[in-house]
Amino acid sequence: MTSEQDWQTEYYKGMDVHVTALPRSDTSWDFTVRVTQPGEDSASEAELAAASGDDGDFPSREAAVEAGFVKGYSMVDALFH
């Protein structure tokens, strides 16, 4: 993976959720998620990190990012239960 990652960040329940979409092929995308303390950038050591896994085949960058935020929010929710 030599291309630069384009991270998007949203604040959720006191944490920053960082998501980047990664191309798998010409027609499918995957994502990576990092959850950090507020104000830390995506390159910081994450409190939590995840990828969609082998079944993460999304038809567009936008769909992968959206799925990444859903995953990130569920990770944050799990921290508080």
N, C-alpha and C. Protein backbone atom coordinates (compact mmCIF):
# COMPACT_ATOMS: atom_id res chain seq x y z
N MET A 1 0.86 -1.18 0.00
CA MET A 1 0.00 0.00 0.00
C MET A 1 0.90 1.23 0.00
N THR A 2 1.16 1.76 -1.17
CA THR A 2 2.06 2.88 -1.26
C THR A 2 1.35 4.21 -1.47
N SER A 3 0.05 4.18 -1.74
CA SER A 3 -0.65 5.43 -1.96
C SER A 3 -0.96 6.12 -0.63
N GLU A 4 -1.03 7.44 -0.69
CA GLU A 4 -1.34 8.22 0.51
C GLU A 4 -2.80 8.04 0.88
N GLN A 5 -3.07 7.85 2.16
CA GLN A 5 -4.43 7.64 2.62
C GLN A 5 -5.10 8.97 2.90
N ASP A 6 -6.36 9.07 2.50
CA ASP A 6 -7.16 10.27 2.69
C ASP A 6 -8.12 10.01 3.85
N TRP A 7 -7.71 10.43 5.06
CA TRP A 7 -8.51 10.18 6.26
C TRP A 7 -9.60 11.24 6.40
N GLN A 8 -10.79 10.79 6.80
CA GLN A 8 -11.89 11.68 7.16
C GLN A 8 -12.16 11.47 8.65
N THR A 9 -12.50 12.55 9.34
CA THR A 9 -12.66 12.46 10.79
C THR A 9 -14.01 13.05 11.21
N GLU A 10 -14.66 12.36 12.13
CA GLU A 10 -15.88 12.86 12.76
C GLU A 10 -15.76 12.66 14.27
N TYR A 11 -16.29 13.61 15.00
CA TYR A 11 -16.33 13.54 16.47
C TYR A 11 -17.59 12.78 16.86
N TYR A 12 -17.45 11.79 17.74
CA TYR A 12 -18.59 10.97 18.15
C TYR A 12 -18.43 10.57 19.61
N LYS A 13 -19.36 11.00 20.44
CA LYS A 13 -19.41 10.64 21.86
C LYS A 13 -18.07 10.81 22.57
N GLY A 14 -17.41 11.92 22.33
CA GLY A 14 -16.18 12.23 23.03
C GLY A 14 -14.92 11.65 22.42
N MET A 15 -15.03 11.03 21.26
CA MET A 15 -13.87 10.43 20.59
C MET A 15 -13.84 10.90 19.13
N ASP A 16 -12.65 10.90 18.54
CA ASP A 16 -12.52 11.16 17.11
C ASP A 16 -12.49 9.83 16.39
N VAL A 17 -13.33 9.70 15.37
CA VAL A 17 -13.38 8.50 14.53
C VAL A 17 -12.77 8.88 13.19
N HIS A 18 -11.68 8.22 12.81
CA HIS A 18 -10.98 8.47 11.56
C HIS A 18 -11.24 7.30 10.62
N VAL A 19 -11.60 7.59 9.37
CA VAL A 19 -11.89 6.55 8.39
C VAL A 19 -11.18 6.88 7.09
N THR A 20 -10.62 5.86 6.45
CA THR A 20 -10.06 6.01 5.11
C THR A 20 -10.55 4.86 4.25
N ALA A 21 -10.83 5.16 2.99
CA ALA A 21 -11.22 4.13 2.03
C ALA A 21 -9.98 3.66 1.28
N LEU A 22 -9.91 2.37 1.03
CA LEU A 22 -8.77 1.78 0.35
C LEU A 22 -9.26 1.00 -0.87
N PRO A 23 -8.68 1.24 -2.04
CA PRO A 23 -9.12 0.48 -3.22
C PRO A 23 -8.65 -0.97 -3.14
N ARG A 24 -9.55 -1.88 -3.43
CA ARG A 24 -9.21 -3.31 -3.51
C ARG A 24 -8.95 -3.69 -4.95
N SER A 25 -9.74 -3.11 -5.84
CA SER A 25 -9.62 -3.36 -7.27
C SER A 25 -10.18 -2.13 -7.98
N ASP A 26 -10.35 -2.23 -9.28
CA ASP A 26 -10.93 -1.11 -10.02
C ASP A 26 -12.39 -0.87 -9.68
N THR A 27 -13.05 -1.87 -9.09
CA THR A 27 -14.48 -1.75 -8.84
C THR A 27 -14.90 -1.97 -7.39
N SER A 28 -13.95 -2.16 -6.48
CA SER A 28 -14.35 -2.38 -5.09
C SER A 28 -13.41 -1.66 -4.13
N TRP A 29 -13.96 -1.36 -2.96
CA TRP A 29 -13.26 -0.59 -1.93
C TRP A 29 -13.39 -1.27 -0.58
N ASP A 30 -12.47 -0.96 0.30
CA ASP A 30 -12.44 -1.45 1.67
C ASP A 30 -12.24 -0.22 2.56
N PHE A 31 -12.20 -0.38 3.88
CA PHE A 31 -11.94 0.75 4.75
C PHE A 31 -11.08 0.35 5.93
N THR A 32 -10.47 1.36 6.55
CA THR A 32 -9.77 1.22 7.81
C THR A 32 -10.30 2.30 8.74
N VAL A 33 -10.44 1.95 10.02
CA VAL A 33 -10.97 2.86 11.04
C VAL A 33 -9.96 2.98 12.17
N ARG A 34 -9.80 4.19 12.69
CA ARG A 34 -9.03 4.41 13.92
C ARG A 34 -9.87 5.30 14.83
N VAL A 35 -9.89 4.97 16.10
CA VAL A 35 -10.59 5.77 17.10
C VAL A 35 -9.53 6.32 18.05
N THR A 36 -9.52 7.65 18.21
CA THR A 36 -8.51 8.31 19.05
C THR A 36 -9.17 9.29 19.99
N GLN A 37 -8.37 9.77 20.92
CA GLN A 37 -8.80 10.87 21.77
C GLN A 37 -9.00 12.11 20.90
N PRO A 38 -9.88 13.02 21.29
CA PRO A 38 -10.13 14.22 20.49
C PRO A 38 -8.84 15.01 20.23
N GLY A 39 -8.70 15.47 19.01
CA GLY A 39 -7.57 16.31 18.64
C GLY A 39 -6.36 15.56 18.13
N GLU A 40 -6.31 14.24 18.35
CA GLU A 40 -5.19 13.46 17.82
C GLU A 40 -5.47 13.16 16.35
N ASP A 41 -4.41 13.17 15.55
CA ASP A 41 -4.66 12.91 14.13
C ASP A 41 -4.67 11.42 13.84
N SER A 42 -5.02 11.09 12.61
CA SER A 42 -5.19 9.68 12.23
C SER A 42 -3.89 8.90 12.29
N ALA A 43 -2.75 9.58 12.29
CA ALA A 43 -1.46 8.90 12.37
C ALA A 43 -1.09 8.54 13.81
N SER A 44 -1.81 9.07 14.78
CA SER A 44 -1.53 8.76 16.19
C SER A 44 -1.84 7.30 16.46
N GLU A 45 -1.20 6.78 17.51
CA GLU A 45 -1.55 5.42 17.91
C GLU A 45 -3.00 5.41 18.36
N ALA A 46 -3.80 4.59 17.72
CA ALA A 46 -5.24 4.60 17.96
C ALA A 46 -5.60 3.84 19.22
N GLU A 47 -6.65 4.32 19.89
CA GLU A 47 -7.23 3.58 21.00
C GLU A 47 -7.75 2.25 20.47
N LEU A 48 -8.43 2.32 19.33
CA LEU A 48 -8.99 1.16 18.67
C LEU A 48 -8.74 1.30 17.18
N ALA A 49 -8.56 0.20 16.51
CA ALA A 49 -8.40 0.22 15.06
C ALA A 49 -9.07 -1.01 14.49
N ALA A 50 -9.60 -0.89 13.26
CA ALA A 50 -10.25 -2.03 12.63
C ALA A 50 -10.24 -1.84 11.12
N ALA A 51 -10.41 -2.93 10.43
CA ALA A 51 -10.63 -2.93 8.99
C ALA A 51 -11.93 -3.68 8.76
N SER A 52 -12.48 -3.53 7.59
CA SER A 52 -13.76 -4.17 7.33
C SER A 52 -13.64 -5.68 7.30
N GLY A 53 -12.49 -6.20 6.97
CA GLY A 53 -12.30 -7.64 6.89
C GLY A 53 -12.44 -8.14 5.46
N ASP A 54 -12.34 -9.43 5.30
CA ASP A 54 -12.36 -10.02 3.96
C ASP A 54 -13.67 -9.80 3.22
N ASP A 55 -14.76 -9.61 3.95
CA ASP A 55 -16.06 -9.43 3.28
C ASP A 55 -16.34 -7.97 2.94
N GLY A 56 -15.41 -7.07 3.20
CA GLY A 56 -15.62 -5.66 2.96
C GLY A 56 -15.41 -5.29 1.50
N ASP A 57 -16.43 -5.46 0.70
CA ASP A 57 -16.37 -5.15 -0.71
C ASP A 57 -17.42 -4.09 -1.00
N PHE A 58 -17.01 -2.85 -1.06
CA PHE A 58 -17.95 -1.76 -1.26
C PHE A 58 -17.78 -1.21 -2.68
N PRO A 59 -18.89 -0.81 -3.32
CA PRO A 59 -18.84 -0.42 -4.73
C PRO A 59 -18.21 0.95 -5.00
N SER A 60 -18.03 1.77 -3.97
CA SER A 60 -17.46 3.10 -4.18
C SER A 60 -16.69 3.54 -2.94
N ARG A 61 -15.86 4.55 -3.13
CA ARG A 61 -15.13 5.14 -2.00
C ARG A 61 -16.11 5.65 -0.95
N GLU A 62 -17.16 6.32 -1.40
CA GLU A 62 -18.15 6.89 -0.49
C GLU A 62 -18.84 5.83 0.35
N ALA A 63 -19.19 4.71 -0.29
CA ALA A 63 -19.84 3.62 0.44
C ALA A 63 -18.90 3.02 1.48
N ALA A 64 -17.62 2.90 1.15
CA ALA A 64 -16.65 2.36 2.10
C ALA A 64 -16.47 3.30 3.29
N VAL A 65 -16.40 4.61 3.02
CA VAL A 65 -16.25 5.58 4.11
C VAL A 65 -17.48 5.55 5.02
N GLU A 66 -18.66 5.52 4.43
CA GLU A 66 -19.89 5.46 5.22
C GLU A 66 -19.91 4.22 6.11
N ALA A 67 -19.56 3.07 5.54
CA ALA A 67 -19.51 1.83 6.33
C ALA A 67 -18.44 1.92 7.41
N GLY A 68 -17.34 2.59 7.12
CA GLY A 68 -16.28 2.77 8.10
C GLY A 68 -16.75 3.57 9.30
N PHE A 69 -17.51 4.64 9.05
CA PHE A 69 -18.02 5.42 10.18
C PHE A 69 -19.03 4.63 11.00
N VAL A 70 -19.86 3.83 10.36
CA VAL A 70 -20.79 2.97 11.10
C VAL A 70 -20.00 2.03 12.02
N LYS A 71 -18.95 1.42 11.48
CA LYS A 71 -18.10 0.53 12.28
C LYS A 71 -17.43 1.31 13.42
N GLY A 72 -16.89 2.50 13.11
CA GLY A 72 -16.24 3.31 14.12
C GLY A 72 -17.19 3.71 15.25
N TYR A 73 -18.41 4.10 14.89
CA TYR A 73 -19.38 4.47 15.92
C TYR A 73 -19.69 3.28 16.82
N SER A 74 -19.81 2.08 16.23
CA SER A 74 -20.11 0.90 17.06
C SER A 74 -18.93 0.58 17.98
N MET A 75 -17.71 0.85 17.52
CA MET A 75 -16.54 0.63 18.36
C MET A 75 -16.56 1.59 19.55
N VAL A 76 -16.90 2.85 19.31
CA VAL A 76 -17.00 3.83 20.40
C VAL A 76 -18.11 3.42 21.37
N ASP A 77 -19.26 3.03 20.82
CA ASP A 77 -20.36 2.59 21.69
C ASP A 77 -19.93 1.44 22.59
N ALA A 78 -19.14 0.52 22.06
CA ALA A 78 -18.68 -0.63 22.85
C ALA A 78 -17.76 -0.20 23.99
N LEU A 79 -17.06 0.91 23.83
CA LEU A 79 -16.19 1.40 24.90
C LEU A 79 -16.97 1.80 26.15
N PHE A 80 -18.20 2.23 25.96
CA PHE A 80 -18.98 2.79 27.06
C PHE A 80 -20.03 1.80 27.59
N HIS A 81 -19.94 0.53 27.20
CA HIS A 81 -20.89 -0.46 27.72
C HIS A 81 -20.20 -1.47 28.57
